[in-house]
Amino acid sequence: MFGSLVGWFTEPANALAVAQLVAAFVTALATIALWRVTRVLAVETKALAAMTARPFVVCLLESSESSAIALNLTLRNTGNATAFDVQLELSPALEKPNGNPPDDPTKTTWTISLLPPGQSLTTQGVLSTKISEKVFAATISWATMPGSSVRESLSYSFEPKDGFRGGWVTKGLHQIAGELEKIRNKLPKA
């Protein structure tokens, strides 16, 4: 029995048929594996493309260019699409820019109609000495279309020192102009 089976495989016509059958089976397996890998790659690429084409809004307190001890509350869209109907709730509340206490000491809220990608908006300044020891909780929500009921949101906490550079920022234009005027006054008149 075994001898006749070996004899059948050693005949050239039968060996060629078996080789073709094995090659077809290997090709079918490779095609199925390639289809599976391509499908997984297509799904992941689609998910990545959807994630990178969305807005992503954050807020932080960062050093102001107008004063070495001032901080500005800045909203920044770090995503790749415009954020609409942006709502920010910051707790505890920041004091008003004129130095008066806030109307509601527990939270401050802002609403902005749109924030383009890569853009930032400075909403309020505050002295760092008045808030240096606080921890702020921020809740930000936004929509990808104006008036949409589907909203994305982000909640996190931060400290003012996270964005404070203690006056080591690039100087504002008015400071540069003032320093140039001082230099000009010290130079001998020709």
C-alpha atoms as a PDB file:
ATOM      1  CA  MET A   1       0.000   0.000   0.000  1.00  0.00           C
ATOM      2  CA  PHE A   2       2.699   2.461   1.040  1.00  0.00           C
ATOM      3  CA  GLY A   3       4.855   1.501  -1.920  1.00  0.00           C
ATOM      4  CA  SER A   4       2.036   2.076  -4.391  1.00  0.00           C
ATOM      5  CA  LEU A   5       1.334   5.475  -2.864  1.00  0.00           C
ATOM      6  CA  VAL A   6       5.009   6.470  -3.213  1.00  0.00           C
ATOM      7  CA  GLY A   7       4.961   5.177  -6.757  1.00  0.00           C
ATOM      8  CA  TRP A   8       1.910   7.285  -7.569  1.00  0.00           C
ATOM      9  CA  PHE A   9       3.631  10.462  -6.263  1.00  0.00           C
ATOM     10  CA  THR A  10       6.833   9.757  -8.182  1.00  0.00           C
ATOM     11  CA  GLU A  11       5.088   9.705 -11.528  1.00  0.00           C
ATOM     12  CA  PRO A  12       5.816  13.068 -13.181  1.00  0.00           C
ATOM     13  CA  ALA A  13       2.208  13.896 -14.076  1.00  0.00           C
ATOM     14  CA  ASN A  14       0.935  13.167 -10.572  1.00  0.00           C
ATOM     15  CA  ALA A  15       3.803  15.010  -8.856  1.00  0.00           C
ATOM     16  CA  LEU A  16       3.062  18.098 -10.950  1.00  0.00           C
ATOM     17  CA  ALA A  17      -0.632  17.934 -10.020  1.00  0.00           C
ATOM     18  CA  VAL A  18       0.198  17.636  -6.313  1.00  0.00           C
ATOM     19  CA  ALA A  19       2.671  20.531  -6.550  1.00  0.00           C
ATOM     20  CA  GLN A  20       0.014  22.689  -8.238  1.00  0.00           C
ATOM     21  CA  LEU A  21      -2.501  21.760  -5.567  1.00  0.00           C
ATOM     22  CA  VAL A  22      -0.061  22.671  -2.776  1.00  0.00           C
ATOM     23  CA  ALA A  23       0.836  25.949  -4.512  1.00  0.00           C
ATOM     24  CA  ALA A  24      -2.850  26.846  -4.893  1.00  0.00           C
ATOM     25  CA  PHE A  25      -3.463  26.091  -1.222  1.00  0.00           C
ATOM     26  CA  VAL A  26      -0.465  28.238  -0.097  1.00  0.00           C
ATOM     27  CA  THR A  27      -1.580  31.066  -2.407  1.00  0.00           C
ATOM     28  CA  ALA A  28      -5.099  30.921  -0.960  1.00  0.00           C
ATOM     29  CA  LEU A  29      -3.742  31.099   2.599  1.00  0.00           C
ATOM     30  CA  ALA A  30      -1.457  34.013   1.700  1.00  0.00           C
ATOM     31  CA  THR A  31      -4.356  35.859   0.037  1.00  0.00           C
ATOM     32  CA  ILE A  32      -6.541  35.426   3.127  1.00  0.00           C
ATOM     33  CA  ALA A  33      -3.721  36.639   5.389  1.00  0.00           C
ATOM     34  CA  LEU A  34      -3.082  39.653   3.135  1.00  0.00           C
ATOM     35  CA  TRP A  35      -6.807  40.500   3.082  1.00  0.00           C
ATOM     36  CA  ARG A  36      -6.948  40.334   6.887  1.00  0.00           C
ATOM     37  CA  VAL A  37      -3.876  42.572   7.373  1.00  0.00           C
ATOM     38  CA  THR A  38      -5.129  45.074   4.765  1.00  0.00           C
ATOM     39  CA  ARG A  39      -8.544  45.218   6.430  1.00  0.00           C
ATOM     40  CA  VAL A  40      -7.050  45.865   9.887  1.00  0.00           C
ATOM     41  CA  LEU A  41      -4.779  48.560   8.435  1.00  0.00           C
ATOM     42  CA  ALA A  42      -7.716  50.246   6.651  1.00  0.00           C
ATOM     43  CA  VAL A  43      -9.821  50.298   9.835  1.00  0.00           C
ATOM     44  CA  GLU A  44      -6.968  51.746  11.912  1.00  0.00           C
ATOM     45  CA  THR A  45      -6.140  54.346   9.242  1.00  0.00           C
ATOM     46  CA  LYS A  46      -9.779  55.448   9.138  1.00  0.00           C
ATOM     47  CA  ALA A  47      -9.871  55.782  12.940  1.00  0.00           C
ATOM     48  CA  LEU A  48      -6.610  57.750  12.970  1.00  0.00           C
ATOM     49  CA  ALA A  49      -7.839  60.073  10.202  1.00  0.00           C
ATOM     50  CA  ALA A  50     -11.063  60.727  12.125  1.00  0.00           C
ATOM     51  CA  MET A  51      -9.143  61.517  15.313  1.00  0.00           C
ATOM     52  CA  THR A  52      -6.719  63.920  13.644  1.00  0.00           C
ATOM     53  CA  ALA A  53      -9.489  65.836  11.873  1.00  0.00           C
ATOM     54  CA  ARG A  54     -11.130  66.968  15.127  1.00  0.00           C
ATOM     55  CA  PRO A  55     -10.801  70.012  17.330  1.00  0.00           C
ATOM     56  CA  PHE A  56      -9.176  69.632  20.751  1.00  0.00           C
ATOM     57  CA  VAL A  57      -9.441  72.575  23.147  1.00  0.00           C
ATOM     58  CA  VAL A  58      -7.384  73.098  26.303  1.00  0.00           C
ATOM     59  CA  CYS A  59      -6.940  75.996  28.699  1.00  0.00           C
ATOM     60  CA  LEU A  60      -4.047  77.028  30.868  1.00  0.00           C
ATOM     61  CA  LEU A  61      -2.644  79.955  32.767  1.00  0.00           C
ATOM     62  CA  GLU A  62       0.528  81.172  31.093  1.00  0.00           C
ATOM     63  CA  SER A  63       2.908  84.055  31.647  1.00  0.00           C
ATOM     64  CA  SER A  64       1.794  87.358  30.255  1.00  0.00           C
ATOM     65  CA  GLU A  65       3.967  89.469  28.004  1.00  0.00           C
ATOM     66  CA  SER A  66       2.671  92.640  29.666  1.00  0.00           C
ATOM     67  CA  SER A  67       3.973  91.918  33.179  1.00  0.00           C
ATOM     68  CA  ALA A  68       6.475  89.545  34.743  1.00  0.00           C
ATOM     69  CA  ILE A  69       4.051  88.567  37.528  1.00  0.00           C
ATOM     70  CA  ALA A  70       0.846  88.357  35.496  1.00  0.00           C
ATOM     71  CA  LEU A  71      -0.755  85.247  34.075  1.00  0.00           C
ATOM     72  CA  ASN A  72      -3.239  85.053  31.223  1.00  0.00           C
ATOM     73  CA  LEU A  73      -5.981  82.463  30.995  1.00  0.00           C
ATOM     74  CA  THR A  74      -5.584  81.108  27.487  1.00  0.00           C
ATOM     75  CA  LEU A  75      -7.858  78.803  25.496  1.00  0.00           C
ATOM     76  CA  ARG A  76      -6.017  76.941  22.749  1.00  0.00           C
ATOM     77  CA  ASN A  77      -7.353  74.703  19.981  1.00  0.00           C
ATOM     78  CA  THR A  78      -4.567  72.184  19.456  1.00  0.00           C
ATOM     79  CA  GLY A  79      -6.666  70.065  17.076  1.00  0.00           C
ATOM     80  CA  ASN A  80      -6.972  70.207  13.311  1.00  0.00           C
ATOM     81  CA  ALA A  81     -10.550  71.477  12.958  1.00  0.00           C
ATOM     82  CA  THR A  82     -12.530  74.482  14.155  1.00  0.00           C
ATOM     83  CA  ALA A  83     -14.182  74.129  17.571  1.00  0.00           C
ATOM     84  CA  PHE A  84     -17.654  75.680  17.809  1.00  0.00           C
ATOM     85  CA  ASP A  85     -19.669  76.757  20.845  1.00  0.00           C
ATOM     86  CA  VAL A  86     -16.731  76.344  23.224  1.00  0.00           C
ATOM     87  CA  GLN A  87     -17.728  76.398  26.887  1.00  0.00           C
ATOM     88  CA  LEU A  88     -15.190  76.667  29.699  1.00  0.00           C
ATOM     89  CA  GLU A  89     -15.852  76.298  33.402  1.00  0.00           C
ATOM     90  CA  LEU A  90     -12.966  77.057  35.724  1.00  0.00           C
ATOM     91  CA  SER A  91     -13.129  76.330  39.430  1.00  0.00           C
ATOM     92  CA  PRO A  92     -12.315  78.129  41.716  1.00  0.00           C
ATOM     93  CA  ALA A  93     -13.154  81.404  40.036  1.00  0.00           C
ATOM     94  CA  LEU A  94     -10.568  83.928  38.929  1.00  0.00           C
ATOM     95  CA  GLU A  95     -10.959  87.443  40.235  1.00  0.00           C
ATOM     96  CA  LYS A  96     -12.127  90.042  37.745  1.00  0.00           C
ATOM     97  CA  PRO A  97      -9.486  91.876  35.673  1.00  0.00           C
ATOM     98  CA  ASN A  98     -10.124  95.070  37.657  1.00  0.00           C
ATOM     99  CA  GLY A  99      -9.182  93.277  40.894  1.00  0.00           C
ATOM    100  CA  ASN A 100     -12.737  92.863  42.194  1.00  0.00           C
ATOM    101  CA  PRO A 101     -13.830  89.491  43.544  1.00  0.00           C
ATOM    102  CA  PRO A 102     -15.795  87.267  41.146  1.00  0.00           C
ATOM    103  CA  ASP A 103     -19.600  87.209  41.192  1.00  0.00           C
ATOM    104  CA  ASP A 104     -19.546  83.459  41.898  1.00  0.00           C
ATOM    105  CA  PRO A 105     -16.423  82.458  43.894  1.00  0.00           C
ATOM    106  CA  THR A 106     -16.880  78.763  43.087  1.00  0.00           C
ATOM    107  CA  LYS A 107     -16.514  78.993  39.314  1.00  0.00           C
ATOM    108  CA  THR A 108     -15.994  81.216  36.328  1.00  0.00           C
ATOM    109  CA  THR A 109     -17.539  80.398  32.963  1.00  0.00           C
ATOM    110  CA  TRP A 110     -16.808  81.547  29.420  1.00  0.00           C
ATOM    111  CA  THR A 111     -18.548  80.835  26.136  1.00  0.00           C
ATOM    112  CA  ILE A 112     -16.845  81.358  22.789  1.00  0.00           C
ATOM    113  CA  SER A 113     -18.610  80.867  19.470  1.00  0.00           C
ATOM    114  CA  LEU A 114     -15.631  79.459  17.558  1.00  0.00           C
ATOM    115  CA  LEU A 115     -11.940  78.775  17.911  1.00  0.00           C
ATOM    116  CA  PRO A 116     -10.028  77.940  14.705  1.00  0.00           C
ATOM    117  CA  PRO A 117      -7.395  75.172  14.691  1.00  0.00           C
ATOM    118  CA  GLY A 118      -3.972  76.189  15.953  1.00  0.00           C
ATOM    119  CA  GLN A 119      -5.357  79.417  17.417  1.00  0.00           C
ATOM    120  CA  SER A 120      -5.455  80.614  21.002  1.00  0.00           C
ATOM    121  CA  LEU A 121      -7.579  83.167  22.779  1.00  0.00           C
ATOM    122  CA  THR A 122      -6.492  85.016  25.901  1.00  0.00           C
ATOM    123  CA  THR A 123      -9.607  85.615  27.941  1.00  0.00           C
ATOM    124  CA  GLN A 124      -8.472  87.109  31.238  1.00  0.00           C
ATOM    125  CA  GLY A 125      -5.362  88.220  33.081  1.00  0.00           C
ATOM    126  CA  VAL A 126      -4.630  87.795  36.776  1.00  0.00           C
ATOM    127  CA  LEU A 127      -1.669  88.447  39.083  1.00  0.00           C
ATOM    128  CA  SER A 128       0.256  85.283  39.834  1.00  0.00           C
ATOM    129  CA  THR A 129       0.699  86.305  43.476  1.00  0.00           C
ATOM    130  CA  LYS A 130      -3.056  86.027  44.062  1.00  0.00           C
ATOM    131  CA  ILE A 131      -3.450  82.516  42.669  1.00  0.00           C
ATOM    132  CA  SER A 132      -0.025  80.883  43.057  1.00  0.00           C
ATOM    133  CA  GLU A 133      -1.131  78.262  45.594  1.00  0.00           C
ATOM    134  CA  LYS A 134      -4.434  77.284  43.959  1.00  0.00           C
ATOM    135  CA  VAL A 135      -5.265  74.212  41.931  1.00  0.00           C
ATOM    136  CA  PHE A 136      -7.810  74.844  39.206  1.00  0.00           C
ATOM    137  CA  ALA A 137     -10.289  72.361  37.766  1.00  0.00           C
ATOM    138  CA  ALA A 138     -11.129  73.030  34.133  1.00  0.00           C
ATOM    139  CA  THR A 139     -14.034  71.564  32.201  1.00  0.00           C
ATOM    140  CA  ILE A 140     -14.112  72.414  28.527  1.00  0.00           C
ATOM    141  CA  SER A 141     -16.672  71.296  25.974  1.00  0.00           C
ATOM    142  CA  TRP A 142     -17.048  72.025  22.272  1.00  0.00           C
ATOM    143  CA  ALA A 143     -18.909  70.941  19.160  1.00  0.00           C
ATOM    144  CA  THR A 144     -17.581  70.174  15.699  1.00  0.00           C
ATOM    145  CA  MET A 145     -20.512  71.931  14.021  1.00  0.00           C
ATOM    146  CA  PRO A 146     -22.297  75.165  15.069  1.00  0.00           C
ATOM    147  CA  GLY A 147     -25.382  74.479  17.186  1.00  0.00           C
ATOM    148  CA  SER A 148     -24.712  70.756  17.332  1.00  0.00           C
ATOM    149  CA  SER A 149     -26.041  68.820  20.318  1.00  0.00           C
ATOM    150  CA  VAL A 150     -23.148  66.345  20.024  1.00  0.00           C
ATOM    151  CA  ARG A 151     -20.315  67.727  22.140  1.00  0.00           C
ATOM    152  CA  GLU A 152     -16.884  66.583  23.182  1.00  0.00           C
ATOM    153  CA  SER A 153     -15.591  67.475  26.615  1.00  0.00           C
ATOM    154  CA  LEU A 154     -12.399  67.428  28.599  1.00  0.00           C
ATOM    155  CA  SER A 155     -11.896  67.780  32.359  1.00  0.00           C
ATOM    156  CA  TYR A 156      -8.565  68.131  34.134  1.00  0.00           C
ATOM    157  CA  SER A 157      -6.827  70.101  36.855  1.00  0.00           C
ATOM    158  CA  PHE A 158      -3.760  72.311  36.654  1.00  0.00           C
ATOM    159  CA  GLU A 159      -1.706  74.706  38.754  1.00  0.00           C
ATOM    160  CA  PRO A 160      -0.719  78.243  37.757  1.00  0.00           C
ATOM    161  CA  LYS A 161       2.965  77.333  38.057  1.00  0.00           C
ATOM    162  CA  ASP A 162       2.532  74.959  35.089  1.00  0.00           C
ATOM    163  CA  GLY A 163       2.563  77.924  32.680  1.00  0.00           C
ATOM    164  CA  PHE A 164       4.433  80.513  34.778  1.00  0.00           C
ATOM    165  CA  ARG A 165       7.864  81.465  33.549  1.00  0.00           C
ATOM    166  CA  GLY A 166       8.459  84.245  36.097  1.00  0.00           C
ATOM    167  CA  GLY A 167       8.982  87.017  33.604  1.00  0.00           C
ATOM    168  CA  TRP A 168      11.331  84.991  31.409  1.00  0.00           C
ATOM    169  CA  VAL A 169       9.231  85.488  28.314  1.00  0.00           C
ATOM    170  CA  THR A 170       9.830  87.402  25.158  1.00  0.00           C
ATOM    171  CA  LYS A 171       9.155  91.023  25.852  1.00  0.00           C
ATOM    172  CA  GLY A 172       6.112  92.771  24.525  1.00  0.00           C
ATOM    173  CA  LEU A 173       6.447  95.480  21.899  1.00  0.00           C
ATOM    174  CA  HIS A 174       5.861  98.258  24.426  1.00  0.00           C
ATOM    175  CA  GLN A 175       8.721  96.948  26.603  1.00  0.00           C
ATOM    176  CA  ILE A 176      11.059  96.720  23.629  1.00  0.00           C
ATOM    177  CA  ALA A 177      10.154 100.271  22.575  1.00  0.00           C
ATOM    178  CA  GLY A 178      10.809 101.510  26.123  1.00  0.00           C
ATOM    179  CA  GLU A 179      14.220  99.874  26.237  1.00  0.00           C
ATOM    180  CA  LEU A 180      15.154 101.239  22.820  1.00  0.00           C
ATOM    181  CA  GLU A 181      14.208 104.713  24.008  1.00  0.00           C
ATOM    182  CA  LYS A 182      16.469 104.330  27.071  1.00  0.00           C
ATOM    183  CA  ILE A 183      19.374 103.222  24.874  1.00  0.00           C
ATOM    184  CA  ARG A 184      18.774 106.096  22.479  1.00  0.00           C
ATOM    185  CA  ASN A 185      18.796 108.603  25.361  1.00  0.00           C
ATOM    186  CA  LYS A 186      22.117 107.217  26.672  1.00  0.00           C
ATOM    187  CA  LEU A 187      23.855 107.451  23.311  1.00  0.00           C
ATOM    188  CA  PRO A 188      25.744 110.689  22.670  1.00  0.00           C
ATOM    189  CA  LYS A 189      23.994 113.090  20.347  1.00  0.00           C
ATOM    190  CA  ALA A 190      25.803 113.491  17.043  1.00  0.00           C
END
